[in-house]
Amino acid sequence: MVSEDSSEETYNPWTVVNAVFHHLVKHGRHPTLGDSGDPGEPAAALLRALGIQPTIEADAQAARARRDRELSDLRASVLDEP
């Protein structure tokens, strides 16, 4: 998508990663990403390899989601809340 105030194209990084994964699966590959934990950094590396610079806002969203999961896990273990 092209923003009105800039000629620079922007992409949702997960859409790009998803497109790459579907392409690989279609050709008989079985890709994994972040099988050792958070997929954010491997996804960012994939985007950089494709010439796409991941944005800070995508990193911020991933960090916020990670914090929310950690807080949820902590609540579940300490307070016995789901």
PDB file of N, CA and C in Angstrom:
ATOM      1  N   MET A   1       0.850  -1.154   0.000  1.00  0.00           N
ATOM      2  CA  MET A   1       0.000   0.000   0.000  1.00  0.00           C
ATOM      3  C   MET A   1       0.898   1.218   0.000  1.00  0.00           C
ATOM      4  N   VAL A   2       0.472   2.268  -0.671  1.00  0.00           N
ATOM      5  CA  VAL A   2       1.248   3.501  -0.739  1.00  0.00           C
ATOM      6  C   VAL A   2       0.530   4.546   0.088  1.00  0.00           C
ATOM      7  N   SER A   3       1.254   5.160   1.017  1.00  0.00           N
ATOM      8  CA  SER A   3       0.632   6.200   1.837  1.00  0.00           C
ATOM      9  C   SER A   3       0.517   7.477   1.021  1.00  0.00           C
ATOM     10  N   GLU A   4      -0.454   8.317   1.357  1.00  0.00           N
ATOM     11  CA  GLU A   4      -0.704   9.528   0.593  1.00  0.00           C
ATOM     12  C   GLU A   4       0.400  10.557   0.764  1.00  0.00           C
ATOM     13  N   ASP A   5       1.045  10.608   1.938  1.00  0.00           N
ATOM     14  CA  ASP A   5       2.038  11.632   2.183  1.00  0.00           C
ATOM     15  C   ASP A   5       3.460  11.182   1.825  1.00  0.00           C
ATOM     16  N   SER A   6       3.597  10.000   1.275  1.00  0.00           N
ATOM     17  CA  SER A   6       4.925   9.497   0.963  1.00  0.00           C
ATOM     18  C   SER A   6       4.839   8.569  -0.234  1.00  0.00           C
ATOM     19  N   SER A   7       5.891   8.521  -1.015  1.00  0.00           N
ATOM     20  CA  SER A   7       5.906   7.605  -2.154  1.00  0.00           C
ATOM     21  C   SER A   7       6.491   6.248  -1.768  1.00  0.00           C
ATOM     22  N   GLU A   8       6.871   6.100  -0.511  1.00  0.00           N
ATOM     23  CA  GLU A   8       7.466   4.859  -0.034  1.00  0.00           C
ATOM     24  C   GLU A   8       6.388   3.817   0.253  1.00  0.00           C
ATOM     25  N   GLU A   9       6.561   2.603  -0.286  1.00  0.00           N
ATOM     26  CA  GLU A   9       5.592   1.548  -0.037  1.00  0.00           C
ATOM     27  C   GLU A   9       5.817   0.952   1.344  1.00  0.00           C
ATOM     28  N   THR A  10       4.728   0.561   1.992  1.00  0.00           N
ATOM     29  CA  THR A  10       4.837  -0.107   3.279  1.00  0.00           C
ATOM     30  C   THR A  10       4.118  -1.446   3.194  1.00  0.00           C
ATOM     31  N   TYR A  11       4.574  -2.389   3.992  1.00  0.00           N
ATOM     32  CA  TYR A  11       4.017  -3.730   3.995  1.00  0.00           C
ATOM     33  C   TYR A  11       3.807  -4.176   5.432  1.00  0.00           C
ATOM     34  N   ASN A  12       2.766  -4.953   5.639  1.00  0.00           N
ATOM     35  CA  ASN A  12       2.626  -5.636   6.911  1.00  0.00           C
ATOM     36  C   ASN A  12       3.644  -6.775   6.861  1.00  0.00           C
ATOM     37  N   PRO A  13       4.626  -6.788   7.757  1.00  0.00           N
ATOM     38  CA  PRO A  13       5.680  -7.801   7.659  1.00  0.00           C
ATOM     39  C   PRO A  13       5.150  -9.228   7.744  1.00  0.00           C
ATOM     40  N   TRP A  14       4.103  -9.454   8.521  1.00  0.00           N
ATOM     41  CA  TRP A  14       3.588 -10.821   8.637  1.00  0.00           C
ATOM     42  C   TRP A  14       2.906 -11.269   7.358  1.00  0.00           C
ATOM     43  N   THR A  15       2.352 -10.335   6.584  1.00  0.00           N
ATOM     44  CA  THR A  15       1.763 -10.680   5.291  1.00  0.00           C
ATOM     45  C   THR A  15       2.845 -11.164   4.340  1.00  0.00           C
ATOM     46  N   VAL A  16       3.988 -10.499   4.352  1.00  0.00           N
ATOM     47  CA  VAL A  16       5.099 -10.897   3.492  1.00  0.00           C
ATOM     48  C   VAL A  16       5.625 -12.270   3.912  1.00  0.00           C
ATOM     49  N   VAL A  17       5.831 -12.458   5.216  1.00  0.00           N
ATOM     50  CA  VAL A  17       6.315 -13.749   5.719  1.00  0.00           C
ATOM     51  C   VAL A  17       5.318 -14.851   5.353  1.00  0.00           C
ATOM     52  N   ASN A  18       4.030 -14.577   5.520  1.00  0.00           N
ATOM     53  CA  ASN A  18       2.993 -15.543   5.193  1.00  0.00           C
ATOM     54  C   ASN A  18       3.032 -15.902   3.705  1.00  0.00           C
ATOM     55  N   ALA A  19       3.201 -14.915   2.834  1.00  0.00           N
ATOM     56  CA  ALA A  19       3.271 -15.169   1.395  1.00  0.00           C
ATOM     57  C   ALA A  19       4.471 -16.058   1.054  1.00  0.00           C
ATOM     58  N   VAL A  20       5.612 -15.778   1.677  1.00  0.00           N
ATOM     59  CA  VAL A  20       6.808 -16.597   1.441  1.00  0.00           C
ATOM     60  C   VAL A  20       6.557 -18.032   1.902  1.00  0.00           C
ATOM     61  N   PHE A  21       5.963 -18.201   3.076  1.00  0.00           N
ATOM     62  CA  PHE A  21       5.700 -19.546   3.590  1.00  0.00           C
ATOM     63  C   PHE A  21       4.745 -20.316   2.689  1.00  0.00           C
ATOM     64  N   HIS A  22       3.676 -19.671   2.227  1.00  0.00           N
ATOM     65  CA  HIS A  22       2.733 -20.346   1.329  1.00  0.00           C
ATOM     66  C   HIS A  22       3.421 -20.751   0.029  1.00  0.00           C
ATOM     67  N   HIS A  23       4.288 -19.901  -0.485  1.00  0.00           N
ATOM     68  CA  HIS A  23       5.037 -20.226  -1.694  1.00  0.00           C
ATOM     69  C   HIS A  23       5.923 -21.457  -1.461  1.00  0.00           C
ATOM     70  N   LEU A  24       6.620 -21.485  -0.336  1.00  0.00           N
ATOM     71  CA  LEU A  24       7.492 -22.627  -0.036  1.00  0.00           C
ATOM     72  C   LEU A  24       6.689 -23.919   0.130  1.00  0.00           C
ATOM     73  N   VAL A  25       5.565 -23.843   0.817  1.00  0.00           N
ATOM     74  CA  VAL A  25       4.724 -25.030   1.019  1.00  0.00           C
ATOM     75  C   VAL A  25       4.197 -25.534  -0.319  1.00  0.00           C
ATOM     76  N   LYS A  26       3.804 -24.610  -1.183  1.00  0.00           N
ATOM     77  CA  LYS A  26       3.293 -24.978  -2.505  1.00  0.00           C
ATOM     78  C   LYS A  26       4.339 -25.757  -3.304  1.00  0.00           C
ATOM     79  N   HIS A  27       5.599 -25.507  -3.017  1.00  0.00           N
ATOM     80  CA  HIS A  27       6.692 -26.187  -3.718  1.00  0.00           C
ATOM     81  C   HIS A  27       7.292 -27.331  -2.905  1.00  0.00           C
ATOM     82  N   GLY A  28       6.509 -27.848  -1.954  1.00  0.00           N
ATOM     83  CA  GLY A  28       6.920 -29.039  -1.222  1.00  0.00           C
ATOM     84  C   GLY A  28       7.848 -28.815  -0.048  1.00  0.00           C
ATOM     85  N   ARG A  29       8.079 -27.593   0.318  1.00  0.00           N
ATOM     86  CA  ARG A  29       8.938 -27.297   1.476  1.00  0.00           C
ATOM     87  C   ARG A  29       8.085 -27.253   2.732  1.00  0.00           C
ATOM     88  N   HIS A  30       8.726 -27.384   3.866  1.00  0.00           N
ATOM     89  CA  HIS A  30       8.029 -27.339   5.152  1.00  0.00           C
ATOM     90  C   HIS A  30       8.775 -26.378   6.076  1.00  0.00           C
ATOM     91  N   PRO A  31       8.594 -25.067   5.835  1.00  0.00           N
ATOM     92  CA  PRO A  31       9.356 -24.085   6.607  1.00  0.00           C
ATOM     93  C   PRO A  31       8.881 -23.983   8.051  1.00  0.00           C
ATOM     94  N   THR A  32       9.802 -23.652   8.919  1.00  0.00           N
ATOM     95  CA  THR A  32       9.475 -23.330  10.310  1.00  0.00           C
ATOM     96  C   THR A  32      10.133 -21.988  10.616  1.00  0.00           C
ATOM     97  N   LEU A  33       9.561 -21.296  11.555  1.00  0.00           N
ATOM     98  CA  LEU A  33      10.085 -19.986  11.906  1.00  0.00           C
ATOM     99  C   LEU A  33       9.961 -19.812  13.401  1.00  0.00           C
ATOM    100  N   GLY A  34      11.074 -19.609  14.043  1.00  0.00           N
ATOM    101  CA  GLY A  34      11.033 -19.389  15.479  1.00  0.00           C
ATOM    102  C   GLY A  34      10.698 -20.636  16.261  1.00  0.00           C
ATOM    103  N   ASP A  35      11.115 -21.807  15.756  1.00  0.00           N
ATOM    104  CA  ASP A  35      10.797 -23.050  16.464  1.00  0.00           C
ATOM    105  C   ASP A  35      11.474 -23.128  17.823  1.00  0.00           C
ATOM    106  N   SER A  36      12.376 -22.188  18.084  1.00  0.00           N
ATOM    107  CA  SER A  36      13.013 -22.161  19.400  1.00  0.00           C
ATOM    108  C   SER A  36      12.416 -21.074  20.288  1.00  0.00           C
ATOM    109  N   GLY A  37      11.300 -20.481  19.864  1.00  0.00           N
ATOM    110  CA  GLY A  37      10.685 -19.430  20.670  1.00  0.00           C
ATOM    111  C   GLY A  37      10.052 -18.369  19.809  1.00  0.00           C
ATOM    112  N   ASP A  38      10.276 -17.117  20.147  1.00  0.00           N
ATOM    113  CA  ASP A  38       9.676 -15.971  19.476  1.00  0.00           C
ATOM    114  C   ASP A  38      10.115 -15.911  18.010  1.00  0.00           C
ATOM    115  N   PRO A  39       9.167 -15.882  17.072  1.00  0.00           N
ATOM    116  CA  PRO A  39       9.524 -15.851  15.653  1.00  0.00           C
ATOM    117  C   PRO A  39       9.880 -14.461  15.130  1.00  0.00           C
ATOM    118  N   GLY A  40       9.826 -13.442  15.976  1.00  0.00           N
ATOM    119  CA  GLY A  40      10.044 -12.075  15.524  1.00  0.00           C
ATOM    120  C   GLY A  40      11.385 -11.842  14.851  1.00  0.00           C
ATOM    121  N   GLU A  41      12.463 -12.262  15.469  1.00  0.00           N
ATOM    122  CA  GLU A  41      13.784 -12.009  14.898  1.00  0.00           C
ATOM    123  C   GLU A  41      14.023 -12.830  13.625  1.00  0.00           C
ATOM    124  N   PRO A  42      13.673 -14.136  13.597  1.00  0.00           N
ATOM    125  CA  PRO A  42      13.827 -14.858  12.330  1.00  0.00           C
ATOM    126  C   PRO A  42      12.967 -14.252  11.219  1.00  0.00           C
ATOM    127  N   ALA A  43      11.771 -13.772  11.545  1.00  0.00           N
ATOM    128  CA  ALA A  43      10.912 -13.136  10.541  1.00  0.00           C
ATOM    129  C   ALA A  43      11.556 -11.854  10.034  1.00  0.00           C
ATOM    130  N   ALA A  44      12.125 -11.065  10.933  1.00  0.00           N
ATOM    131  CA  ALA A  44      12.808  -9.836  10.536  1.00  0.00           C
ATOM    132  C   ALA A  44      13.998 -10.145   9.636  1.00  0.00           C
ATOM    133  N   ALA A  45      14.733 -11.213   9.948  1.00  0.00           N
ATOM    134  CA  ALA A  45      15.870 -11.611   9.111  1.00  0.00           C
ATOM    135  C   ALA A  45      15.399 -12.018   7.715  1.00  0.00           C
ATOM    136  N   LEU A  46      14.283 -12.720   7.648  1.00  0.00           N
ATOM    137  CA  LEU A  46      13.719 -13.106   6.349  1.00  0.00           C
ATOM    138  C   LEU A  46      13.349 -11.859   5.551  1.00  0.00           C
ATOM    139  N   LEU A  47      12.692 -10.911   6.189  1.00  0.00           N
ATOM    140  CA  LEU A  47      12.320  -9.679   5.498  1.00  0.00           C
ATOM    141  C   LEU A  47      13.541  -8.928   4.993  1.00  0.00           C
ATOM    142  N   ARG A  48      14.581  -8.833   5.828  1.00  0.00           N
ATOM    143  CA  ARG A  48      15.803  -8.144   5.404  1.00  0.00           C
ATOM    144  C   ARG A  48      16.429  -8.846   4.206  1.00  0.00           C
ATOM    145  N   ALA A  49      16.385 -10.191   4.195  1.00  0.00           N
ATOM    146  CA  ALA A  49      16.943 -10.953   3.074  1.00  0.00           C
ATOM    147  C   ALA A  49      16.172 -10.665   1.785  1.00  0.00           C
ATOM    148  N   LEU A  50      14.907 -10.293   1.914  1.00  0.00           N
ATOM    149  CA  LEU A  50      14.088  -9.953   0.750  1.00  0.00           C
ATOM    150  C   LEU A  50      14.181  -8.471   0.391  1.00  0.00           C
ATOM    151  N   GLY A  51      15.002  -7.738   1.133  1.00  0.00           N
ATOM    152  CA  GLY A  51      15.182  -6.322   0.856  1.00  0.00           C
ATOM    153  C   GLY A  51      14.128  -5.434   1.490  1.00  0.00           C
ATOM    154  N   ILE A  52      13.411  -5.956   2.481  1.00  0.00           N
ATOM    155  CA  ILE A  52      12.370  -5.191   3.171  1.00  0.00           C
ATOM    156  C   ILE A  52      12.869  -4.888   4.572  1.00  0.00           C
ATOM    157  N   GLN A  53      12.886  -3.615   4.928  1.00  0.00           N
ATOM    158  CA  GLN A  53      13.322  -3.230   6.262  1.00  0.00           C
ATOM    159  C   GLN A  53      12.144  -3.314   7.225  1.00  0.00           C
ATOM    160  N   PRO A  54      12.197  -4.211   8.220  1.00  0.00           N
ATOM    161  CA  PRO A  54      11.101  -4.291   9.198  1.00  0.00           C
ATOM    162  C   PRO A  54      10.965  -2.962   9.935  1.00  0.00           C
ATOM    163  N   THR A  55       9.728  -2.593  10.229  1.00  0.00           N
ATOM    164  CA  THR A  55       9.494  -1.321  10.902  1.00  0.00           C
ATOM    165  C   THR A  55       9.523  -1.498  12.406  1.00  0.00           C
ATOM    166  N   ILE A  56       9.802  -0.419  13.082  1.00  0.00           N
ATOM    167  CA  ILE A  56       9.825  -0.429  14.539  1.00  0.00           C
ATOM    168  C   ILE A  56       8.439  -0.714  15.088  1.00  0.00           C
ATOM    169  N   GLU A  57       7.388  -0.222  14.414  1.00  0.00           N
ATOM    170  CA  GLU A  57       6.047  -0.459  14.939  1.00  0.00           C
ATOM    171  C   GLU A  57       5.708  -1.946  14.939  1.00  0.00           C
ATOM    172  N   ALA A  58       6.204  -2.702  13.975  1.00  0.00           N
ATOM    173  CA  ALA A  58       5.980  -4.150  13.988  1.00  0.00           C
ATOM    174  C   ALA A  58       6.692  -4.771  15.180  1.00  0.00           C
ATOM    175  N   ASP A  59       7.919  -4.301  15.463  1.00  0.00           N
ATOM    176  CA  ASP A  59       8.653  -4.788  16.623  1.00  0.00           C
ATOM    177  C   ASP A  59       7.915  -4.420  17.912  1.00  0.00           C
ATOM    178  N   ALA A  60       7.357  -3.225  17.961  1.00  0.00           N
ATOM    179  CA  ALA A  60       6.625  -2.784  19.150  1.00  0.00           C
ATOM    180  C   ALA A  60       5.386  -3.645  19.364  1.00  0.00           C
ATOM    181  N   GLN A  61       4.699  -3.990  18.284  1.00  0.00           N
ATOM    182  CA  GLN A  61       3.518  -4.850  18.394  1.00  0.00           C
ATOM    183  C   GLN A  61       3.917  -6.227  18.915  1.00  0.00           C
ATOM    184  N   ALA A  62       5.011  -6.763  18.411  1.00  0.00           N
ATOM    185  CA  ALA A  62       5.477  -8.075  18.866  1.00  0.00           C
ATOM    186  C   ALA A  62       5.874  -8.015  20.337  1.00  0.00           C
ATOM    187  N   ALA A  63       6.556  -6.934  20.739  1.00  0.00           N
ATOM    188  CA  ALA A  63       6.959  -6.791  22.141  1.00  0.00           C
ATOM    189  C   ALA A  63       5.735  -6.677  23.048  1.00  0.00           C
ATOM    190  N   ARG A  64       4.732  -5.924  22.604  1.00  0.00           N
ATOM    191  CA  ARG A  64       3.505  -5.772  23.384  1.00  0.00           C
ATOM    192  C   ARG A  64       2.789  -7.125  23.524  1.00  0.00           C
ATOM    193  N   ALA A  65       2.718  -7.882  22.432  1.00  0.00           N
ATOM    194  CA  ALA A  65       2.080  -9.203  22.478  1.00  0.00           C
ATOM    195  C   ALA A  65       2.848 -10.136  23.407  1.00  0.00           C
ATOM    196  N   ARG A  66       4.177 -10.080  23.357  1.00  0.00           N
ATOM    197  CA  ARG A  66       5.011 -10.922  24.227  1.00  0.00           C
ATOM    198  C   ARG A  66       4.796 -10.559  25.689  1.00  0.00           C
ATOM    199  N   ARG A  67       4.753  -9.246  25.997  1.00  0.00           N
ATOM    200  CA  ARG A  67       4.499  -8.802  27.364  1.00  0.00           C
ATOM    201  C   ARG A  67       3.132  -9.270  27.846  1.00  0.00           C
ATOM    202  N   ASP A  68       2.136  -9.170  26.971  1.00  0.00           N
ATOM    203  CA  ASP A  68       0.784  -9.605  27.344  1.00  0.00           C
ATOM    204  C   ASP A  68       0.758 -11.100  27.657  1.00  0.00           C
ATOM    205  N   ARG A  69       1.461 -11.899  26.854  1.00  0.00           N
ATOM    206  CA  ARG A  69       1.528 -13.350  27.111  1.00  0.00           C
ATOM    207  C   ARG A  69       2.233 -13.631  28.432  1.00  0.00           C
ATOM    208  N   GLU A  70       3.347 -12.942  28.673  1.00  0.00           N
ATOM    209  CA  GLU A  70       4.094 -13.155  29.918  1.00  0.00           C
ATOM    210  C   GLU A  70       3.261 -12.771  31.128  1.00  0.00           C
ATOM    211  N   LEU A  71       2.540 -11.653  31.022  1.00  0.00           N
ATOM    212  CA  LEU A  71       1.685 -11.226  32.123  1.00  0.00           C
ATOM    213  C   LEU A  71       0.559 -12.232  32.347  1.00  0.00           C
ATOM    214  N   SER A  72      -0.014 -12.730  31.287  1.00  0.00           N
ATOM    215  CA  SER A  72      -1.075 -13.730  31.388  1.00  0.00           C
ATOM    216  C   SER A  72      -0.553 -15.008  32.054  1.00  0.00           C
ATOM    217  N   ASP A  73       0.640 -15.445  31.653  1.00  0.00           N
ATOM    218  CA  ASP A  73       1.247 -16.635  32.264  1.00  0.00           C
ATOM    219  C   ASP A  73       1.515 -16.409  33.748  1.00  0.00           C
ATOM    220  N   LEU A  74       2.001 -15.224  34.086  1.00  0.00           N
ATOM    221  CA  LEU A  74       2.284 -14.892  35.476  1.00  0.00           C
ATOM    222  C   LEU A  74       1.003 -14.886  36.302  1.00  0.00           C
ATOM    223  N   ARG A  75      -0.047 -14.273  35.767  1.00  0.00           N
ATOM    224  CA  ARG A  75      -1.330 -14.265  36.475  1.00  0.00           C
ATOM    225  C   ARG A  75      -1.840 -15.683  36.696  1.00  0.00           C
ATOM    226  N   ALA A  76      -1.718 -16.502  35.680  1.00  0.00           N
ATOM    227  CA  ALA A  76      -2.195 -17.882  35.777  1.00  0.00           C
ATOM    228  C   ALA A  76      -1.425 -18.655  36.853  1.00  0.00           C
ATOM    229  N   SER A  77      -0.105 -18.441  36.922  1.00  0.00           N
ATOM    230  CA  SER A  77       0.682 -19.208  37.878  1.00  0.00           C
ATOM    231  C   SER A  77       0.575 -18.674  39.303  1.00  0.00           C
ATOM    232  N   VAL A  78       0.447 -17.374  39.469  1.00  0.00           N
ATOM    233  CA  VAL A  78       0.416 -16.784  40.803  1.00  0.00           C
ATOM    234  C   VAL A  78      -0.995 -16.675  41.354  1.00  0.00           C
ATOM    235  N   LEU A  79      -1.924 -16.279  40.527  1.00  0.00           N
ATOM    236  CA  LEU A  79      -3.270 -15.995  40.996  1.00  0.00           C
ATOM    237  C   LEU A  79      -4.276 -17.083  40.618  1.00  0.00           C
ATOM    238  N   ASP A  80      -3.840 -18.116  39.962  1.00  0.00           N
ATOM    239  CA  ASP A  80      -4.722 -19.165  39.470  1.00  0.00           C
ATOM    240  C   ASP A  80      -5.848 -18.620  38.619  1.00  0.00           C
ATOM    241  N   GLU A  81      -5.548 -17.597  37.808  1.00  0.00           N
ATOM    242  CA  GLU A  81      -6.508 -17.012  36.884  1.00  0.00           C
ATOM    243  C   GLU A  81      -6.140 -17.419  35.475  1.00  0.00           C
ATOM    244  N   PRO A  82      -7.148 -17.688  34.657  1.00  0.00           N
ATOM    245  CA  PRO A  82      -6.831 -18.011  33.237  1.00  0.00           C
ATOM    246  C   PRO A  82      -6.383 -16.796  32.462  1.00  0.00           C
TER     247      PRO A  82
END
